[in-house]
Amino acid sequence: MTTAPANRYRNASTLESLDDWLRRVPAGRAGRALLKRLYHATLMLRTAGRGLRSDLPGGEVVYVAPEYRYLSWNPVEYAAFRDAMKPGAVALDVGANVGAYSLLLAQWAGPSGSVYAFEPAPDAFDGLVRHIAMNDLGATVSPVRAAVSDAPSESRFVVSSTAGEGRLAASAEERERAITVPVTTIDEFCARERVAPDFIKIDVEGSETAVLRGARETLRRCRDAAVFVEVHPSVWPRIGTTRAAFEDELNTQNLTLAPLAPIDDLFAVEGMCLRVVPR
């Protein structure tokens, strides 16, 4: 299994290079937390409170909070998403994390469009809300603090120490590092909000089969929507699902996968979406 490359689309400043040094300072947990806050505040001050600036290939500008300075985009994904989005589009960002793609989707959709960004992890959701405000996109992006699966409920969610790797818990993990989060489905959300999406991005760290299952009616109605899903075969055994279950769901909905770049095995690369297309 390989991981697709990513790009921050900015050059790290000299001040940012102090990060490695700060990690080695023998300050203890409380001291290190204080140093980290001071470091982030200094980085923010250096930008006059605007945030670290990323300049993407199409001219888009994204401002990033210092705490999330490693925020990055896969170049192939970026190009595919940009091509699929149109002004006025309605987009669902399922598994938005701190908003790397939500912010771009909002810029491409423009003021007449809408982006619904789903993120259940508390810290990531706070980062998402902060980035929406920092980039003046509150009129376009609606953050939704919920996980997405195949049935509305409440469920246990494993909070990862690594950003973007939180996921719905398997039953064996319910007592370990897990919190309770609200769960919706794409079908339930779209029916309740009267939304017909033109674009859907799904990145849910292993629960992609369940998300697609909970989107059957929406995908049937919105057959022309651009749908992208990142698969996580390395996680599937841990949460009790399989490649066969994922492929069965695609077959049930008469869908297939198309790579965004030439690849021999669609399930050999993580970190880059595949396009979901009708047969």
C-alpha atoms as a PDB file:
ATOM      1  CA  MET A   1       0.000   0.000   0.000  1.00  0.00           C
ATOM      2  CA  THR A   2       1.410   3.394  -0.994  1.00  0.00           C
ATOM      3  CA  THR A   3       0.353   6.915  -0.048  1.00  0.00           C
ATOM      4  CA  ALA A   4      -0.289   9.539  -2.716  1.00  0.00           C
ATOM      5  CA  PRO A   5       1.911  12.668  -2.626  1.00  0.00           C
ATOM      6  CA  ALA A   6       0.679  16.003  -1.278  1.00  0.00           C
ATOM      7  CA  ASN A   7       1.756  19.631  -1.597  1.00  0.00           C
ATOM      8  CA  ARG A   8       1.347  22.555   0.819  1.00  0.00           C
ATOM      9  CA  TYR A   9       1.699  25.086  -2.043  1.00  0.00           C
ATOM     10  CA  ARG A  10       3.823  27.425   0.027  1.00  0.00           C
ATOM     11  CA  ASN A  11       7.386  27.684   1.255  1.00  0.00           C
ATOM     12  CA  ALA A  12       7.855  27.271   4.984  1.00  0.00           C
ATOM     13  CA  SER A  13       9.348  30.331   6.659  1.00  0.00           C
ATOM     14  CA  THR A  14      12.560  30.298   8.679  1.00  0.00           C
ATOM     15  CA  LEU A  15      10.495  30.644  11.824  1.00  0.00           C
ATOM     16  CA  GLU A  16       8.634  27.446  10.994  1.00  0.00           C
ATOM     17  CA  SER A  17      11.930  25.572  10.876  1.00  0.00           C
ATOM     18  CA  LEU A  18      12.136  26.020  14.661  1.00  0.00           C
ATOM     19  CA  ASP A  19       9.390  23.428  15.049  1.00  0.00           C
ATOM     20  CA  ASP A  20      11.800  20.477  15.142  1.00  0.00           C
ATOM     21  CA  TRP A  21      13.975  22.269  17.679  1.00  0.00           C
ATOM     22  CA  LEU A  22      11.012  23.024  19.932  1.00  0.00           C
ATOM     23  CA  ARG A  23      10.051  19.358  19.975  1.00  0.00           C
ATOM     24  CA  ARG A  24      13.420  18.511  21.500  1.00  0.00           C
ATOM     25  CA  VAL A  25      13.310  21.130  24.254  1.00  0.00           C
ATOM     26  CA  PRO A  26      13.168  19.297  27.641  1.00  0.00           C
ATOM     27  CA  ALA A  27      10.267  21.341  29.006  1.00  0.00           C
ATOM     28  CA  GLY A  28       7.858  18.700  30.237  1.00  0.00           C
ATOM     29  CA  ARG A  29       4.271  18.319  29.052  1.00  0.00           C
ATOM     30  CA  ALA A  30       2.970  21.595  30.534  1.00  0.00           C
ATOM     31  CA  GLY A  31       6.020  23.546  29.426  1.00  0.00           C
ATOM     32  CA  ARG A  32       5.889  22.107  25.955  1.00  0.00           C
ATOM     33  CA  ALA A  33       2.197  23.004  25.633  1.00  0.00           C
ATOM     34  CA  LEU A  34       2.999  26.576  26.645  1.00  0.00           C
ATOM     35  CA  LEU A  35       5.878  26.773  24.161  1.00  0.00           C
ATOM     36  CA  LYS A  36       3.607  25.456  21.426  1.00  0.00           C
ATOM     37  CA  ARG A  37       0.958  28.097  22.127  1.00  0.00           C
ATOM     38  CA  LEU A  38       3.587  30.840  22.122  1.00  0.00           C
ATOM     39  CA  TYR A  39       5.070  29.472  18.908  1.00  0.00           C
ATOM     40  CA  HIS A  40       1.706  29.408  17.155  1.00  0.00           C
ATOM     41  CA  ALA A  41       0.875  32.906  18.402  1.00  0.00           C
ATOM     42  CA  THR A  42       4.222  34.163  17.070  1.00  0.00           C
ATOM     43  CA  LEU A  43       3.577  32.614  13.660  1.00  0.00           C
ATOM     44  CA  MET A  44       0.138  34.209  13.581  1.00  0.00           C
ATOM     45  CA  LEU A  45       1.540  37.575  14.623  1.00  0.00           C
ATOM     46  CA  ARG A  46       4.093  37.363  11.842  1.00  0.00           C
ATOM     47  CA  THR A  47       1.205  37.186   9.336  1.00  0.00           C
ATOM     48  CA  ALA A  48      -0.563  40.158  10.965  1.00  0.00           C
ATOM     49  CA  GLY A  49      -3.274  37.755  12.116  1.00  0.00           C
ATOM     50  CA  ARG A  50      -4.162  36.583   8.591  1.00  0.00           C
ATOM     51  CA  GLY A  51      -2.684  33.072   8.770  1.00  0.00           C
ATOM     52  CA  LEU A  52      -0.129  31.167   6.711  1.00  0.00           C
ATOM     53  CA  ARG A  53      -0.820  31.674   3.016  1.00  0.00           C
ATOM     54  CA  SER A  54      -1.001  28.856   0.461  1.00  0.00           C
ATOM     55  CA  ASP A  55      -1.153  29.814  -3.230  1.00  0.00           C
ATOM     56  CA  LEU A  56      -2.630  27.033  -5.322  1.00  0.00           C
ATOM     57  CA  PRO A  57      -2.038  26.520  -9.058  1.00  0.00           C
ATOM     58  CA  GLY A  58      -5.362  27.992 -10.214  1.00  0.00           C
ATOM     59  CA  GLY A  59      -4.847  31.235  -8.324  1.00  0.00           C
ATOM     60  CA  GLU A  60      -6.787  30.188  -5.235  1.00  0.00           C
ATOM     61  CA  VAL A  61      -5.490  31.470  -1.906  1.00  0.00           C
ATOM     62  CA  VAL A  62      -6.046  29.571   1.343  1.00  0.00           C
ATOM     63  CA  TYR A  63      -5.073  30.951   4.753  1.00  0.00           C
ATOM     64  CA  VAL A  64      -4.079  28.304   7.282  1.00  0.00           C
ATOM     65  CA  ALA A  65      -3.872  28.533  11.079  1.00  0.00           C
ATOM     66  CA  PRO A  66      -0.341  27.843  12.385  1.00  0.00           C
ATOM     67  CA  GLU A  67      -1.605  24.798  14.295  1.00  0.00           C
ATOM     68  CA  TYR A  68      -2.455  23.223  10.926  1.00  0.00           C
ATOM     69  CA  ARG A  69       0.588  24.413   8.956  1.00  0.00           C
ATOM     70  CA  TYR A  70       1.036  20.931   7.462  1.00  0.00           C
ATOM     71  CA  LEU A  71      -2.288  21.248   5.613  1.00  0.00           C
ATOM     72  CA  SER A  72      -1.776  20.015   2.055  1.00  0.00           C
ATOM     73  CA  TRP A  73      -3.504  18.955  -1.139  1.00  0.00           C
ATOM     74  CA  ASN A  74      -2.928  16.113  -3.569  1.00  0.00           C
ATOM     75  CA  PRO A  75      -2.196  17.798  -6.940  1.00  0.00           C
ATOM     76  CA  VAL A  76      -4.144  15.240  -9.003  1.00  0.00           C
ATOM     77  CA  GLU A  77      -7.160  15.441  -6.682  1.00  0.00           C
ATOM     78  CA  TYR A  78      -7.006  19.227  -6.716  1.00  0.00           C
ATOM     79  CA  ALA A  79      -7.115  19.324 -10.529  1.00  0.00           C
ATOM     80  CA  ALA A  80      -9.973  16.809 -10.748  1.00  0.00           C
ATOM     81  CA  PHE A  81     -12.082  18.581  -8.142  1.00  0.00           C
ATOM     82  CA  ARG A  82     -11.479  21.969  -9.719  1.00  0.00           C
ATOM     83  CA  ASP A  83     -12.549  20.655 -13.113  1.00  0.00           C
ATOM     84  CA  ALA A  84     -15.704  19.080 -11.650  1.00  0.00           C
ATOM     85  CA  MET A  85     -16.896  22.143  -9.725  1.00  0.00           C
ATOM     86  CA  LYS A  86     -18.938  24.890 -11.344  1.00  0.00           C
ATOM     87  CA  PRO A  87     -20.125  28.297 -10.068  1.00  0.00           C
ATOM     88  CA  GLY A  88     -23.334  27.875  -8.086  1.00  0.00           C
ATOM     89  CA  ALA A  89     -22.673  24.202  -7.351  1.00  0.00           C
ATOM     90  CA  VAL A  90     -23.838  22.460  -4.179  1.00  0.00           C
ATOM     91  CA  ALA A  91     -21.062  20.332  -2.668  1.00  0.00           C
ATOM     92  CA  LEU A  92     -20.863  17.818   0.176  1.00  0.00           C
ATOM     93  CA  ASP A  93     -17.454  17.410   1.794  1.00  0.00           C
ATOM     94  CA  VAL A  94     -17.891  14.216   3.808  1.00  0.00           C
ATOM     95  CA  GLY A  95     -14.917  13.930   6.126  1.00  0.00           C
ATOM     96  CA  ALA A  96     -13.829  17.545   5.852  1.00  0.00           C
ATOM     97  CA  ASN A  97     -11.199  17.454   8.625  1.00  0.00           C
ATOM     98  CA  VAL A  98     -10.029  21.084   9.083  1.00  0.00           C
ATOM     99  CA  GLY A  99     -11.309  22.181   5.684  1.00  0.00           C
ATOM    100  CA  ALA A 100      -8.508  21.833   3.119  1.00  0.00           C
ATOM    101  CA  TYR A 101     -10.948  21.009   0.331  1.00  0.00           C
ATOM    102  CA  SER A 102     -14.029  22.707   1.780  1.00  0.00           C
ATOM    103  CA  LEU A 103     -12.267  26.053   1.402  1.00  0.00           C
ATOM    104  CA  LEU A 104     -11.424  25.386  -2.246  1.00  0.00           C
ATOM    105  CA  LEU A 105     -14.883  24.010  -3.050  1.00  0.00           C
ATOM    106  CA  ALA A 106     -16.371  27.211  -1.659  1.00  0.00           C
ATOM    107  CA  GLN A 107     -14.126  29.377  -3.804  1.00  0.00           C
ATOM    108  CA  TRP A 108     -15.018  27.401  -6.919  1.00  0.00           C
ATOM    109  CA  ALA A 109     -18.747  27.373  -6.112  1.00  0.00           C
ATOM    110  CA  GLY A 110     -18.744  31.110  -5.516  1.00  0.00           C
ATOM    111  CA  PRO A 111     -21.298  33.138  -3.531  1.00  0.00           C
ATOM    112  CA  SER A 112     -24.231  31.484  -5.321  1.00  0.00           C
ATOM    113  CA  GLY A 113     -23.061  27.992  -4.329  1.00  0.00           C
ATOM    114  CA  SER A 114     -23.095  26.018  -1.083  1.00  0.00           C
ATOM    115  CA  VAL A 115     -20.683  23.657   0.642  1.00  0.00           C
ATOM    116  CA  TYR A 116     -21.725  21.368   3.506  1.00  0.00           C
ATOM    117  CA  ALA A 117     -18.654  20.184   5.409  1.00  0.00           C
ATOM    118  CA  PHE A 118     -19.130  17.143   7.682  1.00  0.00           C
ATOM    119  CA  GLU A 119     -16.617  16.552  10.495  1.00  0.00           C
ATOM    120  CA  PRO A 120     -17.324  14.769  13.818  1.00  0.00           C
ATOM    121  CA  ALA A 121     -13.922  15.028  15.555  1.00  0.00           C
ATOM    122  CA  PRO A 122     -14.071  17.960  18.020  1.00  0.00           C
ATOM    123  CA  ASP A 123     -10.567  19.371  17.426  1.00  0.00           C
ATOM    124  CA  ALA A 124     -10.813  18.998  13.662  1.00  0.00           C
ATOM    125  CA  PHE A 125     -14.272  20.580  13.666  1.00  0.00           C
ATOM    126  CA  ASP A 126     -12.921  23.548  15.623  1.00  0.00           C
ATOM    127  CA  GLY A 127     -10.140  23.885  13.041  1.00  0.00           C
ATOM    128  CA  LEU A 128     -12.707  23.704  10.238  1.00  0.00           C
ATOM    129  CA  VAL A 129     -14.798  26.483  11.776  1.00  0.00           C
ATOM    130  CA  ARG A 130     -11.702  28.586  12.356  1.00  0.00           C
ATOM    131  CA  HIS A 131     -10.514  28.181   8.761  1.00  0.00           C
ATOM    132  CA  ILE A 132     -13.943  29.081   7.365  1.00  0.00           C
ATOM    133  CA  ALA A 133     -13.803  32.340   9.326  1.00  0.00           C
ATOM    134  CA  MET A 134     -10.152  33.057   8.475  1.00  0.00           C
ATOM    135  CA  ASN A 135     -10.929  32.707   4.766  1.00  0.00           C
ATOM    136  CA  ASP A 136     -14.160  34.746   4.879  1.00  0.00           C
ATOM    137  CA  LEU A 137     -16.230  31.848   3.574  1.00  0.00           C
ATOM    138  CA  GLY A 138     -18.934  31.694   6.221  1.00  0.00           C
ATOM    139  CA  ALA A 139     -21.632  32.632   3.712  1.00  0.00           C
ATOM    140  CA  THR A 140     -20.828  29.599   1.554  1.00  0.00           C
ATOM    141  CA  VAL A 141     -19.550  26.836   3.862  1.00  0.00           C
ATOM    142  CA  SER A 142     -21.862  25.272   6.455  1.00  0.00           C
ATOM    143  CA  PRO A 143     -19.936  23.102   8.949  1.00  0.00           C
ATOM    144  CA  VAL A 144     -21.866  20.038  10.124  1.00  0.00           C
ATOM    145  CA  ARG A 145     -20.618  18.411  13.315  1.00  0.00           C
ATOM    146  CA  ALA A 146     -21.563  14.835  12.481  1.00  0.00           C
ATOM    147  CA  ALA A 147     -20.187  11.618  11.103  1.00  0.00           C
ATOM    148  CA  VAL A 148     -21.773  10.100   8.000  1.00  0.00           C
ATOM    149  CA  SER A 149     -22.695   6.431   7.625  1.00  0.00           C
ATOM    150  CA  ASP A 150     -25.632   4.255   6.502  1.00  0.00           C
ATOM    151  CA  ALA A 151     -28.157   5.085   9.243  1.00  0.00           C
ATOM    152  CA  PRO A 152     -28.882   8.136  11.445  1.00  0.00           C
ATOM    153  CA  SER A 153     -27.806   7.404  15.002  1.00  0.00           C
ATOM    154  CA  GLU A 154     -25.251   8.163  17.648  1.00  0.00           C
ATOM    155  CA  SER A 155     -22.052   6.169  17.453  1.00  0.00           C
ATOM    156  CA  ARG A 156     -18.619   5.833  18.965  1.00  0.00           C
ATOM    157  CA  PHE A 157     -15.838   7.638  17.132  1.00  0.00           C
ATOM    158  CA  VAL A 158     -12.126   6.933  17.538  1.00  0.00           C
ATOM    159  CA  VAL A 159     -10.222  10.203  17.901  1.00  0.00           C
ATOM    160  CA  SER A 160      -6.750   9.846  16.388  1.00  0.00           C
ATOM    161  CA  SER A 161      -3.676  11.735  17.525  1.00  0.00           C
ATOM    162  CA  THR A 162      -2.869  12.180  13.828  1.00  0.00           C
ATOM    163  CA  ALA A 163      -4.987  14.778  12.046  1.00  0.00           C
ATOM    164  CA  GLY A 164      -7.462  13.330   9.559  1.00  0.00           C
ATOM    165  CA  GLU A 165      -7.293   9.723  10.774  1.00  0.00           C
ATOM    166  CA  GLY A 166     -10.274   9.697  13.140  1.00  0.00           C
ATOM    167  CA  ARG A 167     -13.017   7.234  12.240  1.00  0.00           C
ATOM    168  CA  LEU A 168     -16.160   5.511  13.395  1.00  0.00           C
ATOM    169  CA  ALA A 169     -15.237   2.795  15.870  1.00  0.00           C
ATOM    170  CA  ALA A 170     -15.590  -0.919  15.410  1.00  0.00           C
ATOM    171  CA  SER A 171     -17.363  -2.687  18.275  1.00  0.00           C
ATOM    172  CA  ALA A 172     -14.074  -3.887  19.795  1.00  0.00           C
ATOM    173  CA  GLU A 173     -12.818  -0.319  19.969  1.00  0.00           C
ATOM    174  CA  GLU A 174     -15.873   1.229  21.594  1.00  0.00           C
ATOM    175  CA  ARG A 175     -14.208   1.537  24.983  1.00  0.00           C
ATOM    176  CA  GLU A 176     -10.842   2.718  23.703  1.00  0.00           C
ATOM    177  CA  ARG A 177     -10.105   6.354  22.826  1.00  0.00           C
ATOM    178  CA  ALA A 178     -13.657   6.806  21.574  1.00  0.00           C
ATOM    179  CA  ILE A 179     -16.253   9.530  21.992  1.00  0.00           C
ATOM    180  CA  THR A 180     -19.950   9.588  21.106  1.00  0.00           C
ATOM    181  CA  VAL A 181     -20.864  11.577  17.991  1.00  0.00           C
ATOM    182  CA  PRO A 182     -24.064  12.165  16.016  1.00  0.00           C
ATOM    183  CA  VAL A 183     -24.303  10.227  12.764  1.00  0.00           C
ATOM    184  CA  THR A 184     -26.319  11.147   9.694  1.00  0.00           C
ATOM    185  CA  THR A 185     -26.570   9.781   6.164  1.00  0.00           C
ATOM    186  CA  ILE A 186     -26.301  11.612   2.879  1.00  0.00           C
ATOM    187  CA  ASP A 187     -29.876  10.611   2.069  1.00  0.00           C
ATOM    188  CA  GLU A 188     -31.244  11.799   5.427  1.00  0.00           C
ATOM    189  CA  PHE A 189     -29.321  15.077   5.320  1.00  0.00           C
ATOM    190  CA  CYS A 190     -30.233  15.893   1.720  1.00  0.00           C
ATOM    191  CA  ALA A 191     -33.905  15.120   2.299  1.00  0.00           C
ATOM    192  CA  ARG A 192     -34.047  17.189   5.489  1.00  0.00           C
ATOM    193  CA  GLU A 193     -32.164  20.160   4.027  1.00  0.00           C
ATOM    194  CA  ARG A 194     -33.733  19.787   0.552  1.00  0.00           C
ATOM    195  CA  VAL A 195     -30.291  19.576  -1.011  1.00  0.00           C
ATOM    196  CA  ALA A 196     -29.472  18.141  -4.439  1.00  0.00           C
ATOM    197  CA  PRO A 197     -25.670  17.912  -4.546  1.00  0.00           C
ATOM    198  CA  ASP A 198     -23.670  18.483  -7.714  1.00  0.00           C
ATOM    199  CA  PHE A 199     -20.441  17.331  -6.075  1.00  0.00           C
ATOM    200  CA  ILE A 200     -19.676  14.824  -3.295  1.00  0.00           C
ATOM    201  CA  LYS A 201     -16.273  14.062  -1.791  1.00  0.00           C
ATOM    202  CA  ILE A 202     -16.069  11.119   0.648  1.00  0.00           C
ATOM    203  CA  ASP A 203     -12.998  10.598   2.845  1.00  0.00           C
ATOM    204  CA  VAL A 204     -14.060   8.700   5.955  1.00  0.00           C
ATOM    205  CA  GLU A 205     -11.126   6.467   6.909  1.00  0.00           C
ATOM    206  CA  GLY A 206     -12.691   3.104   6.123  1.00  0.00           C
ATOM    207  CA  SER A 207     -16.453   3.719   6.330  1.00  0.00           C
ATOM    208  CA  GLU A 208     -16.850   4.517   2.638  1.00  0.00           C
ATOM    209  CA  THR A 209     -19.036   1.450   1.969  1.00  0.00           C
ATOM    210  CA  ALA A 210     -21.519   2.560   4.629  1.00  0.00           C
ATOM    211  CA  VAL A 211     -21.529   6.158   3.362  1.00  0.00           C
ATOM    212  CA  LEU A 212     -22.344   5.016  -0.171  1.00  0.00           C
ATOM    213  CA  ARG A 213     -25.046   2.702   1.182  1.00  0.00           C
ATOM    214  CA  GLY A 214     -26.593   5.653   2.991  1.00  0.00           C
ATOM    215  CA  ALA A 215     -26.526   7.721  -0.214  1.00  0.00           C
ATOM    216  CA  ARG A 216     -28.454   5.380  -2.518  1.00  0.00           C
ATOM    217  CA  GLU A 217     -31.472   7.640  -3.026  1.00  0.00           C
ATOM    218  CA  THR A 218     -29.364  10.795  -3.471  1.00  0.00           C
ATOM    219  CA  LEU A 219     -27.065   9.121  -5.986  1.00  0.00           C
ATOM    220  CA  ARG A 220     -30.096   7.763  -7.840  1.00  0.00           C
ATOM    221  CA  ARG A 221     -31.672  11.240  -8.030  1.00  0.00           C
ATOM    222  CA  CYS A 222     -28.443  13.127  -8.739  1.00  0.00           C
ATOM    223  CA  ARG A 223     -27.021  10.819 -11.363  1.00  0.00           C
ATOM    224  CA  ASP A 224     -24.963  13.611 -12.938  1.00  0.00           C
ATOM    225  CA  ALA A 225     -23.256  14.591  -9.676  1.00  0.00           C
ATOM    226  CA  ALA A 226     -19.473  14.377  -9.574  1.00  0.00           C
ATOM    227  CA  VAL A 227     -18.712  11.825  -6.841  1.00  0.00           C
ATOM    228  CA  PHE A 228     -15.265  11.066  -5.451  1.00  0.00           C
ATOM    229  CA  VAL A 229     -14.319   8.550  -2.768  1.00  0.00           C
ATOM    230  CA  GLU A 230     -11.028   7.792  -1.068  1.00  0.00           C
ATOM    231  CA  VAL A 231     -10.772   4.094  -0.237  1.00  0.00           C
ATOM    232  CA  HIS A 232      -8.890   2.797   2.821  1.00  0.00           C
ATOM    233  CA  PRO A 233      -8.296  -0.941   2.340  1.00  0.00           C
ATOM    234  CA  SER A 234      -5.690  -0.940   5.121  1.00  0.00           C
ATOM    235  CA  VAL A 235      -8.413   0.029   7.618  1.00  0.00           C
ATOM    236  CA  TRP A 236     -11.186  -2.282   6.403  1.00  0.00           C
ATOM    237  CA  PRO A 237     -10.041  -5.416   8.311  1.00  0.00           C
ATOM    238  CA  ARG A 238      -9.945  -3.454  11.585  1.00  0.00           C
ATOM    239  CA  ILE A 239     -13.557  -2.311  11.260  1.00  0.00           C
ATOM    240  CA  GLY A 240     -14.962  -5.584   9.971  1.00  0.00           C
ATOM    241  CA  THR A 241     -15.504  -4.839   6.297  1.00  0.00           C
ATOM    242  CA  THR A 242     -13.894  -5.966   3.062  1.00  0.00           C
ATOM    243  CA  ARG A 243     -13.125  -4.997  -0.493  1.00  0.00           C
ATOM    244  CA  ALA A 244     -15.853  -7.423  -1.589  1.00  0.00           C
ATOM    245  CA  ALA A 245     -18.441  -5.519   0.483  1.00  0.00           C
ATOM    246  CA  PHE A 246     -17.360  -2.236  -1.103  1.00  0.00           C
ATOM    247  CA  GLU A 247     -17.555  -3.679  -4.616  1.00  0.00           C
ATOM    248  CA  ASP A 248     -20.947  -5.249  -3.848  1.00  0.00           C
ATOM    249  CA  GLU A 249     -22.298  -1.813  -2.910  1.00  0.00           C
ATOM    250  CA  LEU A 250     -21.002  -0.356  -6.159  1.00  0.00           C
ATOM    251  CA  ASN A 251     -22.671  -3.196  -8.069  1.00  0.00           C
ATOM    252  CA  THR A 252     -25.945  -2.694  -6.194  1.00  0.00           C
ATOM    253  CA  GLN A 253     -26.004   0.944  -7.309  1.00  0.00           C
ATOM    254  CA  ASN A 254     -24.705   0.151 -10.806  1.00  0.00           C
ATOM    255  CA  LEU A 255     -21.592   2.250 -10.203  1.00  0.00           C
ATOM    256  CA  THR A 256     -17.946   1.762 -11.021  1.00  0.00           C
ATOM    257  CA  LEU A 257     -14.630   3.425 -10.163  1.00  0.00           C
ATOM    258  CA  ALA A 258     -12.344   5.476 -12.384  1.00  0.00           C
ATOM    259  CA  PRO A 259      -8.826   6.542 -11.345  1.00  0.00           C
ATOM    260  CA  LEU A 260      -7.806  10.203 -11.438  1.00  0.00           C
ATOM    261  CA  ALA A 261      -4.372   9.186 -12.735  1.00  0.00           C
ATOM    262  CA  PRO A 262      -3.041   6.017 -14.389  1.00  0.00           C
ATOM    263  CA  ILE A 263      -2.824   3.222 -11.830  1.00  0.00           C
ATOM    264  CA  ASP A 264      -2.711  -0.567 -12.128  1.00  0.00           C
ATOM    265  CA  ASP A 265      -4.582  -1.394  -8.924  1.00  0.00           C
ATOM    266  CA  LEU A 266      -7.321   0.996  -7.785  1.00  0.00           C
ATOM    267  CA  PHE A 267      -6.982  -0.303  -4.227  1.00  0.00           C
ATOM    268  CA  ALA A 268      -3.193   0.011  -3.934  1.00  0.00           C
ATOM    269  CA  VAL A 269      -2.975   3.761  -3.227  1.00  0.00           C
ATOM    270  CA  GLU A 270      -4.401   5.670  -0.275  1.00  0.00           C
ATOM    271  CA  GLY A 271      -4.480   9.443   0.038  1.00  0.00           C
ATOM    272  CA  MET A 272      -6.101  10.110  -3.336  1.00  0.00           C
ATOM    273  CA  CYS A 273      -9.756   9.803  -4.311  1.00  0.00           C
ATOM    274  CA  LEU A 274     -11.214   7.669  -7.069  1.00  0.00           C
ATOM    275  CA  ARG A 275     -14.125   8.915  -9.147  1.00  0.00           C
ATOM    276  CA  VAL A 276     -17.424   7.068  -8.772  1.00  0.00           C
ATOM    277  CA  VAL A 277     -19.268   6.940 -12.095  1.00  0.00           C
ATOM    278  CA  PRO A 278     -22.532   5.346 -13.306  1.00  0.00           C
ATOM    279  CA  ARG A 279     -22.200   2.308 -15.527  1.00  0.00           C
END
